[in-house]
Amino acid sequence: MKLPIRASILSAAALFCLPGFLAAQNAAETAAVTADAPAEELTIDWIQEIINGGMTSAVLLLLSAAAIGFLVERLIRMRKKYLAPAYYADFFADAVAKNDADAIRKEAEAKPSILADAGAYIVDHPGMDEARLQMAVADAAARAIERHRQRSYPLAIIATMAPMLGLLGTVIGMIEAFSKVAILGDTGDAALLADSISKALITTDMGLVLAIPALGAYHYLKQKLSIAELAIEENLETMFAALDAQKK
């Protein structure tokens, strides 16, 4: 399915806004349950809560920006026209039938894709044994797919790191909370303890909110590449069949 650049950017923006949406929803539910409480007790400053998360929150925000960047770049570069354009096999067969190798080369320069590169390689090696040519083209296509797969991998790394960083922030916050209890003892203010626990939990929340969509995006890109890989194999078979027909 072809995904326009505008849709890609909107999808990434939705990913970035998801933490704020969840926070707003949670605040609304809290307000509905405790409608009789004073208004100042119901208001939660989520930006301040994130700031209170300290360096862990800052790192998670940087990872969120990185995830958006990787996702937008992958959605743009993994469009069908860069992998296996639907028209190309027919175009290649028509050009081969007309013995027009220049048209195939010009198409690869004007509209680069994995299939177009394969077509240009085929016409640039007319004397190569067909079995070796098919193997060389298949290997080149497989390497191109693998490069796309490797460039999607940072999303999986972010999805793995985010919950761990969130847990680290939680542990740091709990250490702070129990340190206050140890220092203040029974005379300590419970609000101070609750503040430290709140700082601890916000990082876990941020880590999970980042990890879930990042992991989903990574698996979506993997599936998209698998579909493109099958399409490339089928189109290459059609292209070599057209080449055989032209030789006969």
C-alpha atoms as a PDB file:
ATOM      1  CA  MET A   1       0.000   0.000   0.000  1.00  0.00           C
ATOM      2  CA  LYS A   2       1.453   3.330  -1.035  1.00  0.00           C
ATOM      3  CA  LEU A   3       1.740   5.802   1.841  1.00  0.00           C
ATOM      4  CA  PRO A   4       2.105   9.483   0.812  1.00  0.00           C
ATOM      5  CA  ILE A   5       4.687  11.686   2.506  1.00  0.00           C
ATOM      6  CA  ARG A   6       1.946  13.771   4.130  1.00  0.00           C
ATOM      7  CA  ALA A   7       0.374  10.680   5.676  1.00  0.00           C
ATOM      8  CA  SER A   8       3.794   9.541   6.895  1.00  0.00           C
ATOM      9  CA  ILE A   9       4.448  12.845   8.643  1.00  0.00           C
ATOM     10  CA  LEU A  10       0.960  12.872  10.186  1.00  0.00           C
ATOM     11  CA  SER A  11       1.505   9.342  11.475  1.00  0.00           C
ATOM     12  CA  ALA A  12       4.781  10.371  13.080  1.00  0.00           C
ATOM     13  CA  ALA A  13       3.137  13.445  14.606  1.00  0.00           C
ATOM     14  CA  ALA A  14       0.420  11.236  16.065  1.00  0.00           C
ATOM     15  CA  LEU A  15       3.118   9.063  17.618  1.00  0.00           C
ATOM     16  CA  PHE A  16       4.756  12.124  19.180  1.00  0.00           C
ATOM     17  CA  CYS A  17       1.454  13.448  20.525  1.00  0.00           C
ATOM     18  CA  LEU A  18       0.348  10.120  21.992  1.00  0.00           C
ATOM     19  CA  PRO A  19       1.922  10.695  25.451  1.00  0.00           C
ATOM     20  CA  GLY A  20       0.149  14.027  25.781  1.00  0.00           C
ATOM     21  CA  PHE A  21      -3.152  12.512  24.683  1.00  0.00           C
ATOM     22  CA  LEU A  22      -2.910   9.701  27.230  1.00  0.00           C
ATOM     23  CA  ALA A  23      -1.979  12.142  29.939  1.00  0.00           C
ATOM     24  CA  ALA A  24      -4.956  14.367  29.106  1.00  0.00           C
ATOM     25  CA  GLN A  25      -7.288  11.380  29.058  1.00  0.00           C
ATOM     26  CA  ASN A  26      -6.054  10.220  32.449  1.00  0.00           C
ATOM     27  CA  ALA A  27      -6.510  13.703  33.860  1.00  0.00           C
ATOM     28  CA  ALA A  28     -10.078  13.837  32.520  1.00  0.00           C
ATOM     29  CA  GLU A  29     -10.937  10.478  34.108  1.00  0.00           C
ATOM     30  CA  THR A  30      -9.498  11.611  37.425  1.00  0.00           C
ATOM     31  CA  ALA A  31     -11.579  14.771  37.297  1.00  0.00           C
ATOM     32  CA  ALA A  32     -14.743  12.798  36.540  1.00  0.00           C
ATOM     33  CA  VAL A  33     -14.235  10.448  39.483  1.00  0.00           C
ATOM     34  CA  THR A  34     -13.425  13.149  41.996  1.00  0.00           C
ATOM     35  CA  ALA A  35     -15.742  15.879  40.772  1.00  0.00           C
ATOM     36  CA  ASP A  36     -16.472  17.077  44.325  1.00  0.00           C
ATOM     37  CA  ALA A  37     -12.820  17.789  45.155  1.00  0.00           C
ATOM     38  CA  PRO A  38     -11.364  21.300  44.898  1.00  0.00           C
ATOM     39  CA  ALA A  39     -10.230  22.255  41.385  1.00  0.00           C
ATOM     40  CA  GLU A  40      -6.617  22.837  42.438  1.00  0.00           C
ATOM     41  CA  GLU A  41      -6.380  19.224  43.658  1.00  0.00           C
ATOM     42  CA  LEU A  42      -7.545  17.866  40.298  1.00  0.00           C
ATOM     43  CA  THR A  43      -5.100  19.740  38.121  1.00  0.00           C
ATOM     44  CA  ILE A  44      -1.959  17.848  37.117  1.00  0.00           C
ATOM     45  CA  ASP A  45       0.799  19.707  35.331  1.00  0.00           C
ATOM     46  CA  TRP A  46       2.069  16.911  33.065  1.00  0.00           C
ATOM     47  CA  ILE A  47       4.858  19.022  31.622  1.00  0.00           C
ATOM     48  CA  GLN A  48       6.128  19.656  35.132  1.00  0.00           C
ATOM     49  CA  GLU A  49       5.792  15.957  35.939  1.00  0.00           C
ATOM     50  CA  ILE A  50       7.972  15.119  32.928  1.00  0.00           C
ATOM     51  CA  ILE A  51      10.506  17.743  34.003  1.00  0.00           C
ATOM     52  CA  ASN A  52      10.506  16.245  37.485  1.00  0.00           C
ATOM     53  CA  GLY A  53      11.544  12.947  35.926  1.00  0.00           C
ATOM     54  CA  GLY A  54      15.009  14.432  35.538  1.00  0.00           C
ATOM     55  CA  MET A  55      17.642  13.134  33.158  1.00  0.00           C
ATOM     56  CA  THR A  56      15.716   9.932  32.496  1.00  0.00           C
ATOM     57  CA  SER A  57      12.788  11.926  31.119  1.00  0.00           C
ATOM     58  CA  ALA A  58      15.179  13.984  28.997  1.00  0.00           C
ATOM     59  CA  VAL A  59      16.722  10.848  27.492  1.00  0.00           C
ATOM     60  CA  LEU A  60      13.278   9.385  26.796  1.00  0.00           C
ATOM     61  CA  LEU A  61      12.231  12.597  25.048  1.00  0.00           C
ATOM     62  CA  LEU A  62      15.362  12.424  22.887  1.00  0.00           C
ATOM     63  CA  LEU A  63      14.560   8.804  22.046  1.00  0.00           C
ATOM     64  CA  SER A  64      11.019   9.863  21.101  1.00  0.00           C
ATOM     65  CA  ALA A  65      12.392  12.450  18.678  1.00  0.00           C
ATOM     66  CA  ALA A  66      14.806   9.869  17.250  1.00  0.00           C
ATOM     67  CA  ALA A  67      11.989   7.343  16.817  1.00  0.00           C
ATOM     68  CA  ILE A  68       9.904   9.876  14.915  1.00  0.00           C
ATOM     69  CA  GLY A  69      12.850  10.723  12.677  1.00  0.00           C
ATOM     70  CA  PHE A  70      13.593   7.076  11.892  1.00  0.00           C
ATOM     71  CA  LEU A  71       9.927   6.298  11.262  1.00  0.00           C
ATOM     72  CA  VAL A  72       9.358   9.233   8.895  1.00  0.00           C
ATOM     73  CA  GLU A  73      12.550   8.438   6.953  1.00  0.00           C
ATOM     74  CA  ARG A  74      11.623   4.768   6.626  1.00  0.00           C
ATOM     75  CA  LEU A  75       8.039   5.471   5.566  1.00  0.00           C
ATOM     76  CA  ILE A  76       9.339   7.771   2.846  1.00  0.00           C
ATOM     77  CA  ARG A  77      12.200   5.560   1.616  1.00  0.00           C
ATOM     78  CA  MET A  78      10.195   2.334   1.754  1.00  0.00           C
ATOM     79  CA  ARG A  79       7.421   3.456  -0.533  1.00  0.00           C
ATOM     80  CA  LYS A  80       6.550   0.997  -3.275  1.00  0.00           C
ATOM     81  CA  LYS A  81       8.072   3.138  -6.011  1.00  0.00           C
ATOM     82  CA  TYR A  82      11.509   2.751  -4.378  1.00  0.00           C
ATOM     83  CA  LEU A  83      11.192  -1.001  -3.904  1.00  0.00           C
ATOM     84  CA  ALA A  84       9.062  -2.748  -6.509  1.00  0.00           C
ATOM     85  CA  PRO A  85       6.989  -0.370  -8.678  1.00  0.00           C
ATOM     86  CA  ALA A  86       4.024  -2.217 -10.145  1.00  0.00           C
ATOM     87  CA  TYR A  87       4.587  -0.990 -13.702  1.00  0.00           C
ATOM     88  CA  TYR A  88       8.247  -1.950 -14.028  1.00  0.00           C
ATOM     89  CA  ALA A  89       8.030  -5.614 -15.058  1.00  0.00           C
ATOM     90  CA  ASP A  90       5.750  -4.723 -17.985  1.00  0.00           C
ATOM     91  CA  PHE A  91       7.969  -1.795 -18.915  1.00  0.00           C
ATOM     92  CA  PHE A  92      11.051  -4.028 -18.882  1.00  0.00           C
ATOM     93  CA  ALA A  93       9.357  -6.696 -21.002  1.00  0.00           C
ATOM     94  CA  ASP A  94       8.259  -4.082 -23.549  1.00  0.00           C
ATOM     95  CA  ALA A  95      11.756  -2.523 -23.709  1.00  0.00           C
ATOM     96  CA  VAL A  96      13.381  -5.950 -24.118  1.00  0.00           C
ATOM     97  CA  ALA A  97      10.956  -6.842 -26.891  1.00  0.00           C
ATOM     98  CA  LYS A  98      11.947  -3.625 -28.672  1.00  0.00           C
ATOM     99  CA  ASN A  99      15.640  -4.293 -27.932  1.00  0.00           C
ATOM    100  CA  ASP A 100      15.811  -0.862 -26.259  1.00  0.00           C
ATOM    101  CA  ALA A 101      18.462  -1.195 -23.549  1.00  0.00           C
ATOM    102  CA  ASP A 102      18.926   2.583 -23.350  1.00  0.00           C
ATOM    103  CA  ALA A 103      15.324   3.040 -22.204  1.00  0.00           C
ATOM    104  CA  ILE A 104      15.938   0.602 -19.337  1.00  0.00           C
ATOM    105  CA  ARG A 105      19.104   2.443 -18.298  1.00  0.00           C
ATOM    106  CA  LYS A 106      17.401   5.852 -18.450  1.00  0.00           C
ATOM    107  CA  GLU A 107      14.457   4.548 -16.408  1.00  0.00           C
ATOM    108  CA  ALA A 108      16.856   3.332 -13.700  1.00  0.00           C
ATOM    109  CA  GLU A 109      18.480   6.772 -13.547  1.00  0.00           C
ATOM    110  CA  ALA A 110      15.199   8.714 -13.592  1.00  0.00           C
ATOM    111  CA  LYS A 111      13.206   6.464 -11.220  1.00  0.00           C
ATOM    112  CA  PRO A 112      15.628   4.429  -9.082  1.00  0.00           C
ATOM    113  CA  SER A 113      14.267   1.349  -7.377  1.00  0.00           C
ATOM    114  CA  ILE A 114      15.430  -2.166  -6.592  1.00  0.00           C
ATOM    115  CA  LEU A 115      13.723  -3.494  -9.727  1.00  0.00           C
ATOM    116  CA  ALA A 116      15.052  -0.680 -11.918  1.00  0.00           C
ATOM    117  CA  ASP A 117      18.588  -1.338 -10.698  1.00  0.00           C
ATOM    118  CA  ALA A 118      18.117  -5.032 -11.463  1.00  0.00           C
ATOM    119  CA  GLY A 119      16.895  -4.216 -14.980  1.00  0.00           C
ATOM    120  CA  ALA A 120      19.876  -1.963 -15.633  1.00  0.00           C
ATOM    121  CA  TYR A 121      22.248  -4.655 -14.376  1.00  0.00           C
ATOM    122  CA  ILE A 122      20.678  -7.220 -16.712  1.00  0.00           C
ATOM    123  CA  VAL A 123      21.077  -5.108 -19.857  1.00  0.00           C
ATOM    124  CA  ASP A 124      24.602  -4.065 -18.832  1.00  0.00           C
ATOM    125  CA  HIS A 125      25.731  -7.714 -18.757  1.00  0.00           C
ATOM    126  CA  PRO A 126      24.380  -9.198 -21.995  1.00  0.00           C
ATOM    127  CA  GLY A 127      27.094 -11.827 -22.342  1.00  0.00           C
ATOM    128  CA  MET A 128      26.856 -13.283 -18.838  1.00  0.00           C
ATOM    129  CA  ASP A 129      25.621 -16.836 -18.371  1.00  0.00           C
ATOM    130  CA  GLU A 130      21.898 -16.697 -17.539  1.00  0.00           C
ATOM    131  CA  ALA A 131      22.177 -18.776 -14.364  1.00  0.00           C
ATOM    132  CA  ARG A 132      24.981 -16.571 -13.056  1.00  0.00           C
ATOM    133  CA  LEU A 133      23.074 -13.453 -14.099  1.00  0.00           C
ATOM    134  CA  GLN A 134      19.957 -14.540 -12.227  1.00  0.00           C
ATOM    135  CA  MET A 135      22.013 -15.323  -9.132  1.00  0.00           C
ATOM    136  CA  ALA A 136      23.827 -11.977  -9.284  1.00  0.00           C
ATOM    137  CA  VAL A 137      20.592 -10.020  -9.678  1.00  0.00           C
ATOM    138  CA  ALA A 138      18.877 -11.956  -6.878  1.00  0.00           C
ATOM    139  CA  ASP A 139      21.846 -11.379  -4.561  1.00  0.00           C
ATOM    140  CA  ALA A 140      21.867  -7.639  -5.317  1.00  0.00           C
ATOM    141  CA  ALA A 141      18.130  -7.398  -4.613  1.00  0.00           C
ATOM    142  CA  ALA A 142      18.523  -9.360  -1.368  1.00  0.00           C
ATOM    143  CA  ARG A 143      21.303  -7.011  -0.232  1.00  0.00           C
ATOM    144  CA  ALA A 144      19.140  -3.977  -0.986  1.00  0.00           C
ATOM    145  CA  ILE A 145      16.275  -5.433   1.061  1.00  0.00           C
ATOM    146  CA  GLU A 146      18.672  -6.234   3.905  1.00  0.00           C
ATOM    147  CA  ARG A 147      19.927  -2.635   3.934  1.00  0.00           C
ATOM    148  CA  HIS A 148      16.360  -1.422   4.329  1.00  0.00           C
ATOM    149  CA  ARG A 149      15.824  -3.944   7.117  1.00  0.00           C
ATOM    150  CA  GLN A 150      18.954  -2.799   8.959  1.00  0.00           C
ATOM    151  CA  ARG A 151      17.876   0.835   8.702  1.00  0.00           C
ATOM    152  CA  SER A 152      14.584  -0.090  10.399  1.00  0.00           C
ATOM    153  CA  TYR A 153      16.355  -1.793  13.297  1.00  0.00           C
ATOM    154  CA  PRO A 154      16.908   1.392  15.377  1.00  0.00           C
ATOM    155  CA  LEU A 155      13.156   1.404  16.077  1.00  0.00           C
ATOM    156  CA  ALA A 156      13.498  -2.023  17.687  1.00  0.00           C
ATOM    157  CA  ILE A 157      16.448  -0.770  19.740  1.00  0.00           C
ATOM    158  CA  ILE A 158      14.422   2.220  20.961  1.00  0.00           C
ATOM    159  CA  ALA A 159      11.458  -0.023  21.790  1.00  0.00           C
ATOM    160  CA  THR A 160      13.778  -2.218  23.869  1.00  0.00           C
ATOM    161  CA  MET A 161      15.614   0.611  25.627  1.00  0.00           C
ATOM    162  CA  ALA A 162      12.617   2.789  26.511  1.00  0.00           C
ATOM    163  CA  PRO A 163      11.008   0.509  29.154  1.00  0.00           C
ATOM    164  CA  MET A 164      14.417  -0.175  30.699  1.00  0.00           C
ATOM    165  CA  LEU A 165      15.132   3.538  30.973  1.00  0.00           C
ATOM    166  CA  GLY A 166      11.680   4.059  32.448  1.00  0.00           C
ATOM    167  CA  LEU A 167      12.402   1.356  35.025  1.00  0.00           C
ATOM    168  CA  LEU A 168      15.735   3.002  35.825  1.00  0.00           C
ATOM    169  CA  GLY A 169      13.949   6.290  36.477  1.00  0.00           C
ATOM    170  CA  THR A 170      11.464   4.486  38.717  1.00  0.00           C
ATOM    171  CA  VAL A 171      14.245   2.879  40.756  1.00  0.00           C
ATOM    172  CA  ILE A 172      15.973   6.248  41.152  1.00  0.00           C
ATOM    173  CA  GLY A 173      12.725   7.844  42.299  1.00  0.00           C
ATOM    174  CA  MET A 174      12.015   5.081  44.813  1.00  0.00           C
ATOM    175  CA  ILE A 175      15.552   5.381  46.210  1.00  0.00           C
ATOM    176  CA  GLU A 176      14.902   9.098  46.681  1.00  0.00           C
ATOM    177  CA  ALA A 177      11.565   8.393  48.379  1.00  0.00           C
ATOM    178  CA  PHE A 178      12.978   5.897  50.874  1.00  0.00           C
ATOM    179  CA  SER A 179      15.959   8.149  51.526  1.00  0.00           C
ATOM    180  CA  LYS A 180      13.544  10.867  52.614  1.00  0.00           C
ATOM    181  CA  VAL A 181      11.772   8.412  54.915  1.00  0.00           C
ATOM    182  CA  ALA A 182      15.088   7.409  56.429  1.00  0.00           C
ATOM    183  CA  ILE A 183      16.086  11.040  57.011  1.00  0.00           C
ATOM    184  CA  LEU A 184      12.751  12.450  58.205  1.00  0.00           C
ATOM    185  CA  GLY A 185      11.420   9.369  59.998  1.00  0.00           C
ATOM    186  CA  ASP A 186       7.900   9.493  61.421  1.00  0.00           C
ATOM    187  CA  THR A 187       7.891  13.278  61.353  1.00  0.00           C
ATOM    188  CA  GLY A 188       8.217  13.383  57.557  1.00  0.00           C
ATOM    189  CA  ASP A 189       5.545  14.922  55.378  1.00  0.00           C
ATOM    190  CA  ALA A 190       3.651  12.292  53.375  1.00  0.00           C
ATOM    191  CA  ALA A 191       3.382  14.770  50.493  1.00  0.00           C
ATOM    192  CA  LEU A 192       7.161  14.648  50.037  1.00  0.00           C
ATOM    193  CA  LEU A 193       7.057  10.858  49.767  1.00  0.00           C
ATOM    194  CA  ALA A 194       4.178  11.010  47.298  1.00  0.00           C
ATOM    195  CA  ASP A 195       6.082  13.552  45.203  1.00  0.00           C
ATOM    196  CA  SER A 196       9.084  11.229  44.912  1.00  0.00           C
ATOM    197  CA  ILE A 197       6.887   8.269  43.983  1.00  0.00           C
ATOM    198  CA  SER A 198       5.172  10.399  41.338  1.00  0.00           C
ATOM    199  CA  LYS A 199       8.569  11.257  39.851  1.00  0.00           C
ATOM    200  CA  ALA A 200       9.388   7.575  39.819  1.00  0.00           C
ATOM    201  CA  LEU A 201       6.238   6.479  38.037  1.00  0.00           C
ATOM    202  CA  ILE A 202       6.252   9.158  35.313  1.00  0.00           C
ATOM    203  CA  THR A 203       9.408   7.702  33.765  1.00  0.00           C
ATOM    204  CA  THR A 204       7.875   4.222  33.597  1.00  0.00           C
ATOM    205  CA  ASP A 205       4.820   5.699  31.931  1.00  0.00           C
ATOM    206  CA  MET A 206       6.936   7.580  29.390  1.00  0.00           C
ATOM    207  CA  GLY A 207       9.011   4.488  28.637  1.00  0.00           C
ATOM    208  CA  LEU A 208       5.962   2.344  27.920  1.00  0.00           C
ATOM    209  CA  VAL A 209       4.208   5.033  25.895  1.00  0.00           C
ATOM    210  CA  LEU A 210       7.313   5.288  23.705  1.00  0.00           C
ATOM    211  CA  ALA A 211       8.082   1.574  23.476  1.00  0.00           C
ATOM    212  CA  ILE A 212       4.641   0.317  22.414  1.00  0.00           C
ATOM    213  CA  PRO A 213       4.235   2.408  19.217  1.00  0.00           C
ATOM    214  CA  ALA A 214       7.948   2.066  18.371  1.00  0.00           C
ATOM    215  CA  LEU A 215       7.702  -1.717  18.527  1.00  0.00           C
ATOM    216  CA  GLY A 216       4.503  -1.680  16.483  1.00  0.00           C
ATOM    217  CA  ALA A 217       6.133   0.553  13.860  1.00  0.00           C
ATOM    218  CA  TYR A 218       9.159  -1.748  13.636  1.00  0.00           C
ATOM    219  CA  HIS A 219       7.031  -4.830  13.003  1.00  0.00           C
ATOM    220  CA  TYR A 220       4.940  -2.923  10.469  1.00  0.00           C
ATOM    221  CA  LEU A 221       8.088  -2.027   8.540  1.00  0.00           C
ATOM    222  CA  LYS A 222       9.300  -5.630   8.719  1.00  0.00           C
ATOM    223  CA  GLN A 223       6.017  -6.847   7.270  1.00  0.00           C
ATOM    224  CA  LYS A 224       6.160  -4.201   4.561  1.00  0.00           C
ATOM    225  CA  LEU A 225       9.642  -5.369   3.581  1.00  0.00           C
ATOM    226  CA  SER A 226       8.548  -9.005   3.496  1.00  0.00           C
ATOM    227  CA  ILE A 227       5.713  -8.135   1.108  1.00  0.00           C
ATOM    228  CA  ALA A 228       8.093  -6.093  -1.055  1.00  0.00           C
ATOM    229  CA  GLU A 229      10.589  -8.971  -1.112  1.00  0.00           C
ATOM    230  CA  LEU A 230       7.953 -11.348  -2.477  1.00  0.00           C
ATOM    231  CA  ALA A 231       6.902  -8.777  -5.072  1.00  0.00           C
ATOM    232  CA  ILE A 232      10.509  -8.319  -6.188  1.00  0.00           C
ATOM    233  CA  GLU A 233      10.998 -12.075  -6.611  1.00  0.00           C
ATOM    234  CA  GLU A 234       7.828 -12.368  -8.697  1.00  0.00           C
ATOM    235  CA  ASN A 235       8.770  -9.387 -10.865  1.00  0.00           C
ATOM    236  CA  LEU A 236      12.288 -10.708 -11.433  1.00  0.00           C
ATOM    237  CA  GLU A 237      10.835 -13.992 -12.659  1.00  0.00           C
ATOM    238  CA  THR A 238       8.644 -12.054 -15.103  1.00  0.00           C
ATOM    239  CA  MET A 239      11.619 -10.003 -16.277  1.00  0.00           C
ATOM    240  CA  PHE A 240      13.817 -13.055 -16.931  1.00  0.00           C
ATOM    241  CA  ALA A 241      10.930 -14.752 -18.702  1.00  0.00           C
ATOM    242  CA  ALA A 242      10.685 -11.743 -21.012  1.00  0.00           C
ATOM    243  CA  LEU A 243      14.446 -11.912 -21.562  1.00  0.00           C
ATOM    244  CA  ASP A 244      14.229 -15.592 -22.513  1.00  0.00           C
ATOM    245  CA  ALA A 245      11.380 -14.889 -24.898  1.00  0.00           C
ATOM    246  CA  GLN A 246      13.381 -12.147 -26.602  1.00  0.00           C
ATOM    247  CA  LYS A 247      16.377 -14.469 -27.095  1.00  0.00           C
ATOM    248  CA  LYS A 248      14.195 -17.098 -28.711  1.00  0.00           C
END
